[in-house]
Amino acid sequence: MRIMVLRLGHRLPRDERVTTHVCLTSRAFGASGVIYSGQKDNSLEASVKRIANNWGGEFSIEYEAKPIPRIEKMKKEGWAVVHLTMYGMPLPEKVKDVAGKGKVLVVVGAEKVPSEVYELADFNIAVGNQPHSEIAALAVTLDRLQGGKELERAFESNFGGASISLEPAEKGKKIRRG
């Protein structure tokens, strides 16, 4: 399964930290890349590219000025669109339907999500029907969609080309460089 994440409505300086964490979570939990909309943020792009370069693996980040047409285009290309919203259907009820798709675009909002996104989504999914972090919802969703296999990748050091990696340790920190 190929997974991309679309972060809607990035706002500077308000969303700098959260959008960075959406990107880091997406990468660590097996997504191929992040597309973001809202305000263009060269610093965000440089930071994410630097992290991917240092920690290895292939991961992309790109800016999209017009996210609705991009969602429509990706749907036409066969991507299943999953919109994470507390108003959606419970993740446990829909995870098998989504996991069977070959290409999945996970949409994560920042500002008020346009109604078109709810209509375009193949799945409006809730990770609990309570307000909480979009980062938590993204992590849980990516983990469930891949059945935890993305975490095996992390511990097997399959982020190729890394100049920094960690060795799991019961106590202390073991960092490998080079």
N, C-alpha and C. Protein backbone atom coordinates (compact mmCIF):
# COMPACT_ATOMS: atom_id res chain seq x y z
N MET A 1 0.85 -1.18 0.00
CA MET A 1 0.00 0.00 0.00
C MET A 1 0.89 1.24 0.00
N ARG A 2 0.55 2.19 -0.85
CA ARG A 2 1.26 3.47 -0.87
C ARG A 2 0.37 4.50 -0.19
N ILE A 3 0.94 5.26 0.74
CA ILE A 3 0.18 6.25 1.50
C ILE A 3 0.84 7.61 1.35
N MET A 4 0.01 8.61 1.04
CA MET A 4 0.43 10.01 1.05
C MET A 4 -0.49 10.73 2.04
N VAL A 5 0.02 11.80 2.64
CA VAL A 5 -0.77 12.59 3.59
C VAL A 5 -0.90 14.00 3.03
N LEU A 6 -2.12 14.52 3.06
CA LEU A 6 -2.39 15.90 2.65
C LEU A 6 -2.75 16.70 3.89
N ARG A 7 -1.93 17.68 4.21
CA ARG A 7 -2.17 18.58 5.35
C ARG A 7 -2.83 19.84 4.79
N LEU A 8 -4.07 20.08 5.18
CA LEU A 8 -4.82 21.23 4.69
C LEU A 8 -4.57 22.47 5.55
N GLY A 9 -4.46 23.62 4.92
CA GLY A 9 -4.53 24.91 5.60
C GLY A 9 -3.41 25.25 6.55
N HIS A 10 -2.17 24.95 6.19
CA HIS A 10 -1.02 25.30 7.03
C HIS A 10 -0.96 26.82 7.20
N ARG A 11 -0.87 27.27 8.46
CA ARG A 11 -0.85 28.71 8.77
C ARG A 11 0.42 29.05 9.53
N LEU A 12 1.11 30.08 9.05
CA LEU A 12 2.31 30.57 9.74
C LEU A 12 1.95 31.73 10.65
N PRO A 13 2.49 31.84 11.83
CA PRO A 13 3.38 30.89 12.50
C PRO A 13 2.61 29.83 13.30
N ARG A 14 1.31 29.95 13.32
CA ARG A 14 0.47 29.13 14.19
C ARG A 14 0.70 27.62 14.06
N ASP A 15 0.84 27.12 12.85
CA ASP A 15 0.89 25.67 12.63
C ASP A 15 2.29 25.11 12.39
N GLU A 16 3.32 25.92 12.56
CA GLU A 16 4.67 25.44 12.25
C GLU A 16 5.00 24.12 12.94
N ARG A 17 4.81 24.07 14.23
CA ARG A 17 5.17 22.88 15.01
C ARG A 17 4.27 21.70 14.67
N VAL A 18 2.97 21.94 14.61
CA VAL A 18 2.03 20.84 14.37
C VAL A 18 2.23 20.27 12.96
N THR A 19 2.37 21.11 11.96
CA THR A 19 2.57 20.60 10.60
C THR A 19 3.89 19.84 10.51
N THR A 20 4.93 20.31 11.17
CA THR A 20 6.18 19.56 11.21
C THR A 20 5.95 18.18 11.81
N HIS A 21 5.17 18.12 12.89
CA HIS A 21 4.89 16.84 13.53
C HIS A 21 4.01 15.94 12.67
N VAL A 22 3.12 16.53 11.88
CA VAL A 22 2.35 15.74 10.91
C VAL A 22 3.32 15.09 9.93
N CYS A 23 4.30 15.84 9.46
CA CYS A 23 5.29 15.30 8.51
C CYS A 23 6.14 14.22 9.16
N LEU A 24 6.64 14.47 10.36
CA LEU A 24 7.49 13.48 11.04
C LEU A 24 6.72 12.20 11.33
N THR A 25 5.49 12.34 11.78
CA THR A 25 4.65 11.17 12.07
C THR A 25 4.36 10.41 10.79
N SER A 26 4.04 11.12 9.73
CA SER A 26 3.77 10.48 8.44
C SER A 26 4.97 9.65 8.01
N ARG A 27 6.14 10.22 8.10
CA ARG A 27 7.37 9.53 7.68
C ARG A 27 7.64 8.31 8.57
N ALA A 28 7.61 8.50 9.88
CA ALA A 28 7.93 7.42 10.81
C ALA A 28 6.92 6.28 10.75
N PHE A 29 5.68 6.60 10.39
CA PHE A 29 4.62 5.59 10.35
C PHE A 29 4.31 5.11 8.94
N GLY A 30 5.26 5.28 8.02
CA GLY A 30 5.18 4.58 6.74
C GLY A 30 4.60 5.29 5.54
N ALA A 31 4.24 6.57 5.65
CA ALA A 31 3.75 7.29 4.47
C ALA A 31 4.93 7.59 3.54
N SER A 32 4.62 7.74 2.26
CA SER A 32 5.65 8.05 1.26
C SER A 32 5.99 9.53 1.23
N GLY A 33 5.05 10.37 1.67
CA GLY A 33 5.29 11.80 1.63
C GLY A 33 4.10 12.59 2.11
N VAL A 34 4.30 13.90 2.19
CA VAL A 34 3.26 14.84 2.61
C VAL A 34 3.13 15.92 1.55
N ILE A 35 1.88 16.26 1.28
CA ILE A 35 1.52 17.41 0.46
C ILE A 35 0.87 18.38 1.44
N TYR A 36 1.23 19.64 1.40
CA TYR A 36 0.58 20.58 2.31
C TYR A 36 0.04 21.77 1.53
N SER A 37 -1.02 22.36 2.07
CA SER A 37 -1.63 23.54 1.46
C SER A 37 -1.69 24.65 2.50
N GLY A 38 -2.23 25.78 2.12
CA GLY A 38 -2.26 26.93 3.01
C GLY A 38 -1.12 27.85 2.63
N GLN A 39 -0.35 28.27 3.62
CA GLN A 39 0.78 29.15 3.35
C GLN A 39 2.02 28.33 3.02
N LYS A 40 2.70 28.72 1.96
CA LYS A 40 3.95 28.04 1.58
C LYS A 40 4.99 28.31 2.66
N ASP A 41 5.74 27.28 3.02
CA ASP A 41 6.68 27.37 4.13
C ASP A 41 8.00 26.69 3.73
N ASN A 42 8.92 27.49 3.22
CA ASN A 42 10.22 26.96 2.79
C ASN A 42 11.00 26.35 3.95
N SER A 43 10.84 26.92 5.13
CA SER A 43 11.53 26.40 6.31
C SER A 43 11.03 25.00 6.66
N LEU A 44 9.72 24.79 6.59
CA LEU A 44 9.14 23.47 6.83
C LEU A 44 9.71 22.47 5.83
N GLU A 45 9.71 22.83 4.57
CA GLU A 45 10.20 21.93 3.53
C GLU A 45 11.67 21.58 3.75
N ALA A 46 12.49 22.57 4.07
CA ALA A 46 13.92 22.32 4.30
C ALA A 46 14.13 21.42 5.52
N SER A 47 13.37 21.67 6.57
CA SER A 47 13.49 20.87 7.79
C SER A 47 13.14 19.41 7.54
N VAL A 48 12.03 19.17 6.86
CA VAL A 48 11.58 17.80 6.59
C VAL A 48 12.57 17.10 5.66
N LYS A 49 13.06 17.79 4.65
CA LYS A 49 14.05 17.19 3.73
C LYS A 49 15.34 16.85 4.47
N ARG A 50 15.76 17.73 5.38
CA ARG A 50 16.98 17.48 6.16
C ARG A 50 16.81 16.25 7.05
N ILE A 51 15.67 16.14 7.70
CA ILE A 51 15.41 14.99 8.57
C ILE A 51 15.40 13.71 7.76
N ALA A 52 14.71 13.72 6.63
CA ALA A 52 14.66 12.52 5.78
C ALA A 52 16.06 12.15 5.28
N ASN A 53 16.86 13.14 4.95
CA ASN A 53 18.22 12.88 4.50
C ASN A 53 19.07 12.27 5.62
N ASN A 54 18.99 12.85 6.82
CA ASN A 54 19.79 12.36 7.95
C ASN A 54 19.34 10.99 8.45
N TRP A 55 18.03 10.78 8.52
CA TRP A 55 17.49 9.57 9.13
C TRP A 55 17.15 8.50 8.10
N GLY A 56 17.32 8.80 6.83
CA GLY A 56 17.19 7.80 5.77
C GLY A 56 15.77 7.60 5.26
N GLY A 57 15.69 6.77 4.24
CA GLY A 57 14.41 6.45 3.62
C GLY A 57 14.01 7.49 2.60
N GLU A 58 13.05 7.11 1.78
CA GLU A 58 12.53 8.03 0.78
C GLU A 58 11.26 8.66 1.31
N PHE A 59 11.23 9.99 1.33
CA PHE A 59 10.07 10.72 1.82
C PHE A 59 10.05 12.06 1.12
N SER A 60 8.88 12.45 0.62
CA SER A 60 8.77 13.71 -0.11
C SER A 60 7.87 14.68 0.62
N ILE A 61 8.10 15.95 0.37
CA ILE A 61 7.20 17.00 0.84
C ILE A 61 7.02 17.98 -0.31
N GLU A 62 5.78 18.37 -0.53
CA GLU A 62 5.51 19.34 -1.59
C GLU A 62 4.35 20.24 -1.21
N TYR A 63 4.39 21.44 -1.74
CA TYR A 63 3.34 22.43 -1.52
C TYR A 63 2.30 22.34 -2.63
N GLU A 64 1.03 22.49 -2.25
CA GLU A 64 -0.09 22.51 -3.20
C GLU A 64 -0.97 23.71 -2.88
N ALA A 65 -1.02 24.67 -3.79
CA ALA A 65 -1.82 25.88 -3.58
C ALA A 65 -3.32 25.60 -3.66
N LYS A 66 -3.71 24.59 -4.46
CA LYS A 66 -5.13 24.29 -4.67
C LYS A 66 -5.41 22.83 -4.31
N PRO A 67 -5.69 22.57 -3.04
CA PRO A 67 -5.83 21.18 -2.60
C PRO A 67 -7.07 20.45 -3.13
N ILE A 68 -8.17 21.15 -3.34
CA ILE A 68 -9.39 20.46 -3.81
C ILE A 68 -9.18 19.86 -5.20
N PRO A 69 -8.68 20.63 -6.17
CA PRO A 69 -8.39 20.00 -7.47
C PRO A 69 -7.36 18.87 -7.36
N ARG A 70 -6.42 18.99 -6.44
CA ARG A 70 -5.42 17.93 -6.26
C ARG A 70 -6.08 16.65 -5.75
N ILE A 71 -7.02 16.78 -4.81
CA ILE A 71 -7.75 15.61 -4.31
C ILE A 71 -8.53 14.98 -5.47
N GLU A 72 -9.21 15.81 -6.26
CA GLU A 72 -9.97 15.29 -7.40
C GLU A 72 -9.07 14.54 -8.38
N LYS A 73 -7.91 15.10 -8.65
CA LYS A 73 -6.95 14.47 -9.57
C LYS A 73 -6.48 13.12 -9.03
N MET A 74 -6.16 13.09 -7.75
CA MET A 74 -5.67 11.84 -7.15
C MET A 74 -6.76 10.77 -7.14
N LYS A 75 -7.99 11.19 -6.90
CA LYS A 75 -9.11 10.23 -6.97
C LYS A 75 -9.21 9.62 -8.37
N LYS A 76 -9.08 10.46 -9.38
CA LYS A 76 -9.13 9.97 -10.77
C LYS A 76 -7.98 9.01 -11.07
N GLU A 77 -6.86 9.19 -10.36
CA GLU A 77 -5.70 8.31 -10.54
C GLU A 77 -5.79 7.04 -9.69
N GLY A 78 -6.93 6.85 -9.01
CA GLY A 78 -7.14 5.63 -8.25
C GLY A 78 -6.80 5.68 -6.78
N TRP A 79 -6.53 6.85 -6.26
CA TRP A 79 -6.25 6.98 -4.83
C TRP A 79 -7.56 6.96 -4.05
N ALA A 80 -7.60 6.21 -2.96
CA ALA A 80 -8.72 6.27 -2.02
C ALA A 80 -8.45 7.44 -1.08
N VAL A 81 -9.45 8.28 -0.87
CA VAL A 81 -9.28 9.46 -0.03
C VAL A 81 -9.90 9.22 1.34
N VAL A 82 -9.05 9.31 2.36
CA VAL A 82 -9.47 9.13 3.75
C VAL A 82 -9.32 10.47 4.45
N HIS A 83 -10.43 11.03 4.89
CA HIS A 83 -10.42 12.30 5.61
C HIS A 83 -10.57 12.00 7.09
N LEU A 84 -9.59 12.42 7.90
CA LEU A 84 -9.67 12.22 9.34
C LEU A 84 -10.45 13.36 9.97
N THR A 85 -11.57 13.01 10.60
CA THR A 85 -12.45 13.99 11.23
C THR A 85 -13.16 13.34 12.39
N MET A 86 -13.35 14.07 13.47
CA MET A 86 -14.05 13.48 14.61
C MET A 86 -15.53 13.22 14.30
N TYR A 87 -16.01 13.74 13.18
CA TYR A 87 -17.41 13.54 12.79
C TYR A 87 -17.62 12.30 11.94
N GLY A 88 -16.54 11.61 11.60
CA GLY A 88 -16.62 10.48 10.69
C GLY A 88 -17.04 9.17 11.34
N MET A 89 -16.94 8.12 10.54
CA MET A 89 -17.24 6.77 11.00
C MET A 89 -16.06 6.25 11.82
N PRO A 90 -16.33 5.42 12.82
CA PRO A 90 -15.24 4.91 13.66
C PRO A 90 -14.21 4.11 12.85
N LEU A 91 -12.95 4.40 13.08
CA LEU A 91 -11.85 3.73 12.39
C LEU A 91 -11.96 2.21 12.44
N PRO A 92 -12.25 1.60 13.59
CA PRO A 92 -12.31 0.13 13.62
C PRO A 92 -13.35 -0.46 12.66
N GLU A 93 -14.41 0.29 12.36
CA GLU A 93 -15.44 -0.19 11.45
C GLU A 93 -15.02 -0.09 9.98
N LYS A 94 -14.06 0.76 9.67
CA LYS A 94 -13.71 1.04 8.27
C LYS A 94 -12.29 0.63 7.88
N VAL A 95 -11.46 0.27 8.86
CA VAL A 95 -10.05 0.03 8.57
C VAL A 95 -9.84 -1.07 7.53
N LYS A 96 -10.62 -2.13 7.55
CA LYS A 96 -10.45 -3.21 6.57
C LYS A 96 -10.81 -2.74 5.17
N ASP A 97 -11.83 -1.89 5.06
CA ASP A 97 -12.22 -1.36 3.75
C ASP A 97 -11.10 -0.51 3.15
N VAL A 98 -10.46 0.29 3.98
CA VAL A 98 -9.39 1.17 3.50
C VAL A 98 -8.11 0.39 3.25
N ALA A 99 -7.79 -0.54 4.15
CA ALA A 99 -6.52 -1.28 4.05
C ALA A 99 -6.41 -2.09 2.76
N GLY A 100 -7.54 -2.40 2.13
CA GLY A 100 -7.51 -3.15 0.88
C GLY A 100 -7.19 -2.31 -0.34
N LYS A 101 -7.08 -1.02 -0.17
CA LYS A 101 -6.80 -0.12 -1.29
C LYS A 101 -5.29 -0.07 -1.57
N GLY A 102 -4.92 0.09 -2.81
CA GLY A 102 -3.50 0.14 -3.18
C GLY A 102 -2.84 1.46 -2.90
N LYS A 103 -3.60 2.57 -3.07
CA LYS A 103 -3.06 3.91 -2.86
C LYS A 103 -4.05 4.68 -2.00
N VAL A 104 -3.54 5.27 -0.91
CA VAL A 104 -4.41 5.97 0.04
C VAL A 104 -3.87 7.37 0.29
N LEU A 105 -4.74 8.36 0.14
CA LEU A 105 -4.44 9.74 0.49
C LEU A 105 -5.16 10.04 1.80
N VAL A 106 -4.40 10.30 2.86
CA VAL A 106 -4.98 10.63 4.16
C VAL A 106 -4.99 12.15 4.29
N VAL A 107 -6.17 12.72 4.49
CA VAL A 107 -6.33 14.18 4.58
C VAL A 107 -6.47 14.58 6.04
N VAL A 108 -5.61 15.53 6.45
CA VAL A 108 -5.58 16.03 7.82
C VAL A 108 -5.79 17.53 7.77
N GLY A 109 -6.79 18.03 8.47
CA GLY A 109 -7.09 19.46 8.46
C GLY A 109 -6.26 20.26 9.44
N ALA A 110 -6.25 21.57 9.25
CA ALA A 110 -5.65 22.51 10.19
C ALA A 110 -6.73 23.53 10.54
N GLU A 111 -7.05 24.37 9.57
CA GLU A 111 -8.14 25.32 9.76
C GLU A 111 -9.45 24.59 9.46
N LYS A 112 -10.55 25.33 9.42
CA LYS A 112 -11.83 24.71 9.10
C LYS A 112 -11.75 24.01 7.74
N VAL A 113 -12.12 22.75 7.74
CA VAL A 113 -12.03 21.94 6.52
C VAL A 113 -13.21 22.28 5.60
N PRO A 114 -12.94 22.58 4.33
CA PRO A 114 -14.02 22.88 3.39
C PRO A 114 -14.98 21.69 3.24
N SER A 115 -16.26 21.98 3.06
CA SER A 115 -17.26 20.91 2.94
C SER A 115 -16.98 19.99 1.75
N GLU A 116 -16.30 20.51 0.72
CA GLU A 116 -15.97 19.68 -0.44
C GLU A 116 -15.11 18.48 -0.05
N VAL A 117 -14.28 18.64 0.97
CA VAL A 117 -13.42 17.54 1.39
C VAL A 117 -14.27 16.39 1.93
N TYR A 118 -15.29 16.72 2.71
CA TYR A 118 -16.19 15.68 3.24
C TYR A 118 -16.88 14.94 2.10
N GLU A 119 -17.24 15.67 1.06
CA GLU A 119 -17.93 15.06 -0.09
C GLU A 119 -16.98 14.26 -0.98
N LEU A 120 -15.77 14.75 -1.17
CA LEU A 120 -14.80 14.06 -2.02
C LEU A 120 -14.23 12.81 -1.36
N ALA A 121 -14.19 12.80 -0.05
CA ALA A 121 -13.59 11.67 0.67
C ALA A 121 -14.36 10.39 0.40
N ASP A 122 -13.61 9.32 0.16
CA ASP A 122 -14.21 7.99 0.07
C ASP A 122 -14.57 7.50 1.46
N PHE A 123 -13.80 7.97 2.44
CA PHE A 123 -14.01 7.59 3.83
C PHE A 123 -13.78 8.81 4.71
N ASN A 124 -14.80 9.21 5.49
CA ASN A 124 -14.63 10.19 6.55
C ASN A 124 -14.50 9.37 7.82
N ILE A 125 -13.32 9.38 8.42
CA ILE A 125 -13.00 8.46 9.50
C ILE A 125 -12.66 9.22 10.77
N ALA A 126 -13.19 8.70 11.88
CA ALA A 126 -12.91 9.26 13.20
C ALA A 126 -12.07 8.28 14.01
N VAL A 127 -11.06 8.81 14.66
CA VAL A 127 -10.31 8.04 15.65
C VAL A 127 -10.85 8.51 16.99
N GLY A 128 -11.98 7.91 17.37
CA GLY A 128 -12.72 8.39 18.53
C GLY A 128 -13.52 9.61 18.09
N ASN A 129 -14.73 9.71 18.53
CA ASN A 129 -15.56 10.86 18.15
C ASN A 129 -15.46 11.95 19.21
N GLN A 130 -14.22 12.26 19.57
CA GLN A 130 -13.93 13.28 20.57
C GLN A 130 -12.84 14.19 20.01
N PRO A 131 -12.83 15.45 20.45
CA PRO A 131 -11.74 16.32 20.01
C PRO A 131 -10.41 15.88 20.62
N HIS A 132 -9.39 15.78 19.77
CA HIS A 132 -8.02 15.51 20.23
C HIS A 132 -7.06 15.87 19.11
N SER A 133 -5.84 15.49 19.22
CA SER A 133 -4.79 15.89 18.29
C SER A 133 -4.90 15.20 16.93
N GLU A 134 -4.75 15.99 15.86
CA GLU A 134 -4.71 15.40 14.53
C GLU A 134 -3.48 14.52 14.35
N ILE A 135 -2.43 14.80 15.10
CA ILE A 135 -1.22 13.98 15.03
C ILE A 135 -1.50 12.60 15.61
N ALA A 136 -2.21 12.55 16.72
CA ALA A 136 -2.58 11.26 17.32
C ALA A 136 -3.47 10.48 16.37
N ALA A 137 -4.45 11.15 15.78
CA ALA A 137 -5.36 10.48 14.84
C ALA A 137 -4.59 9.94 13.64
N LEU A 138 -3.65 10.70 13.14
CA LEU A 138 -2.84 10.27 12.00
C LEU A 138 -2.01 9.04 12.36
N ALA A 139 -1.34 9.08 13.50
CA ALA A 139 -0.49 7.95 13.92
C ALA A 139 -1.31 6.67 14.09
N VAL A 140 -2.43 6.78 14.76
CA VAL A 140 -3.28 5.59 14.97
C VAL A 140 -3.78 5.06 13.63
N THR A 141 -4.21 5.96 12.75
CA THR A 141 -4.73 5.54 11.44
C THR A 141 -3.65 4.85 10.62
N LEU A 142 -2.47 5.45 10.53
CA LEU A 142 -1.39 4.84 9.75
C LEU A 142 -1.00 3.48 10.32
N ASP A 143 -0.97 3.37 11.63
CA ASP A 143 -0.64 2.10 12.26
C ASP A 143 -1.69 1.04 11.95
N ARG A 144 -2.95 1.39 12.09
CA ARG A 144 -4.03 0.42 11.83
C ARG A 144 -4.07 0.01 10.36
N LEU A 145 -3.87 0.96 9.45
CA LEU A 145 -3.92 0.63 8.02
C LEU A 145 -2.83 -0.37 7.63
N GLN A 146 -1.71 -0.31 8.31
CA GLN A 146 -0.57 -1.17 7.96
C GLN A 146 -0.37 -2.32 8.93
N GLY A 147 -1.28 -2.45 9.87
CA GLY A 147 -1.21 -3.56 10.82
C GLY A 147 0.07 -3.58 11.64
N GLY A 148 0.65 -2.43 11.91
CA GLY A 148 1.86 -2.35 12.72
C GLY A 148 3.15 -2.64 11.97
N LYS A 149 3.07 -3.00 10.71
CA LYS A 149 4.27 -3.37 9.93
C LYS A 149 5.24 -2.20 9.76
N GLU A 150 4.72 -0.98 9.77
CA GLU A 150 5.60 0.18 9.61
C GLU A 150 6.55 0.32 10.79
N LEU A 151 6.16 -0.16 11.95
CA LEU A 151 7.05 -0.09 13.11
C LEU A 151 8.15 -1.14 13.02
N GLU A 152 7.87 -2.27 12.42
CA GLU A 152 8.91 -3.28 12.18
C GLU A 152 9.98 -2.69 11.28
N ARG A 153 9.56 -1.93 10.28
CA ARG A 153 10.50 -1.29 9.36
C ARG A 153 11.44 -0.38 10.14
N ALA A 154 10.90 0.38 11.08
CA ALA A 154 11.72 1.31 11.84
C ALA A 154 12.77 0.57 12.67
N PHE A 155 12.37 -0.50 13.32
CA PHE A 155 13.31 -1.20 14.18
C PHE A 155 14.27 -2.08 13.41
N GLU A 156 13.98 -2.39 12.18
CA GLU A 156 14.91 -3.16 11.35
C GLU A 156 15.85 -2.24 10.58
N SER A 157 15.79 -0.96 10.87
CA SER A 157 16.65 0.04 10.22
C SER A 157 16.53 0.01 8.70
N ASN A 158 15.33 -0.13 8.21
CA ASN A 158 15.11 -0.15 6.77
C ASN A 158 14.87 1.24 6.18
N PHE A 159 15.28 2.26 6.89
CA PHE A 159 15.27 3.60 6.33
C PHE A 159 16.62 3.77 5.65
N GLY A 160 16.75 3.25 4.44
CA GLY A 160 18.03 3.22 3.73
C GLY A 160 18.67 4.58 3.58
N GLY A 161 19.99 4.61 3.61
CA GLY A 161 20.74 5.83 3.39
C GLY A 161 20.85 6.73 4.60
N ALA A 162 20.52 6.23 5.78
CA ALA A 162 20.56 7.05 6.99
C ALA A 162 21.99 7.37 7.41
N SER A 163 22.23 8.60 7.82
CA SER A 163 23.51 8.94 8.42
C SER A 163 23.40 8.92 9.94
N ILE A 164 22.17 8.85 10.44
CA ILE A 164 21.90 8.73 11.87
C ILE A 164 20.90 7.59 12.05
N SER A 165 21.15 6.73 13.02
CA SER A 165 20.17 5.70 13.37
C SER A 165 20.30 5.40 14.86
N LEU A 166 19.28 4.78 15.39
CA LEU A 166 19.26 4.43 16.80
C LEU A 166 19.29 2.93 16.96
N GLU A 167 19.97 2.48 17.98
CA GLU A 167 19.95 1.07 18.34
C GLU A 167 19.05 0.96 19.56
N PRO A 168 17.97 0.16 19.46
CA PRO A 168 17.08 0.03 20.62
C PRO A 168 17.86 -0.40 21.86
N ALA A 169 17.56 0.23 23.00
CA ALA A 169 18.26 -0.05 24.24
C ALA A 169 17.28 -0.09 25.40
N GLU A 170 17.50 -1.02 26.31
CA GLU A 170 16.68 -1.08 27.53
C GLU A 170 16.89 0.17 28.37
N LYS A 171 18.13 0.64 28.42
CA LYS A 171 18.47 1.83 29.21
C LYS A 171 19.48 2.65 28.42
N GLY A 172 19.43 3.94 28.58
CA GLY A 172 20.39 4.80 27.92
C GLY A 172 20.04 5.05 26.46
N LYS A 173 21.00 5.62 25.76
CA LYS A 173 20.81 5.98 24.35
C LYS A 173 21.97 5.41 23.54
N LYS A 174 21.65 4.76 22.44
CA LYS A 174 22.68 4.25 21.54
C LYS A 174 22.42 4.83 20.15
N ILE A 175 23.25 5.77 19.77
CA ILE A 175 23.11 6.47 18.50
C ILE A 175 24.26 6.07 17.58
N ARG A 176 23.91 5.73 16.35
CA ARG A 176 24.92 5.40 15.33
C ARG A 176 24.97 6.54 14.33
N ARG A 177 26.17 6.98 14.01
CA ARG A 177 26.35 8.04 13.01
C ARG A 177 27.26 7.54 11.91
N GLY A 178 26.89 7.94 10.67
CA GLY A 178 27.76 7.60 9.55
C GLY A 178 27.29 6.46 8.71
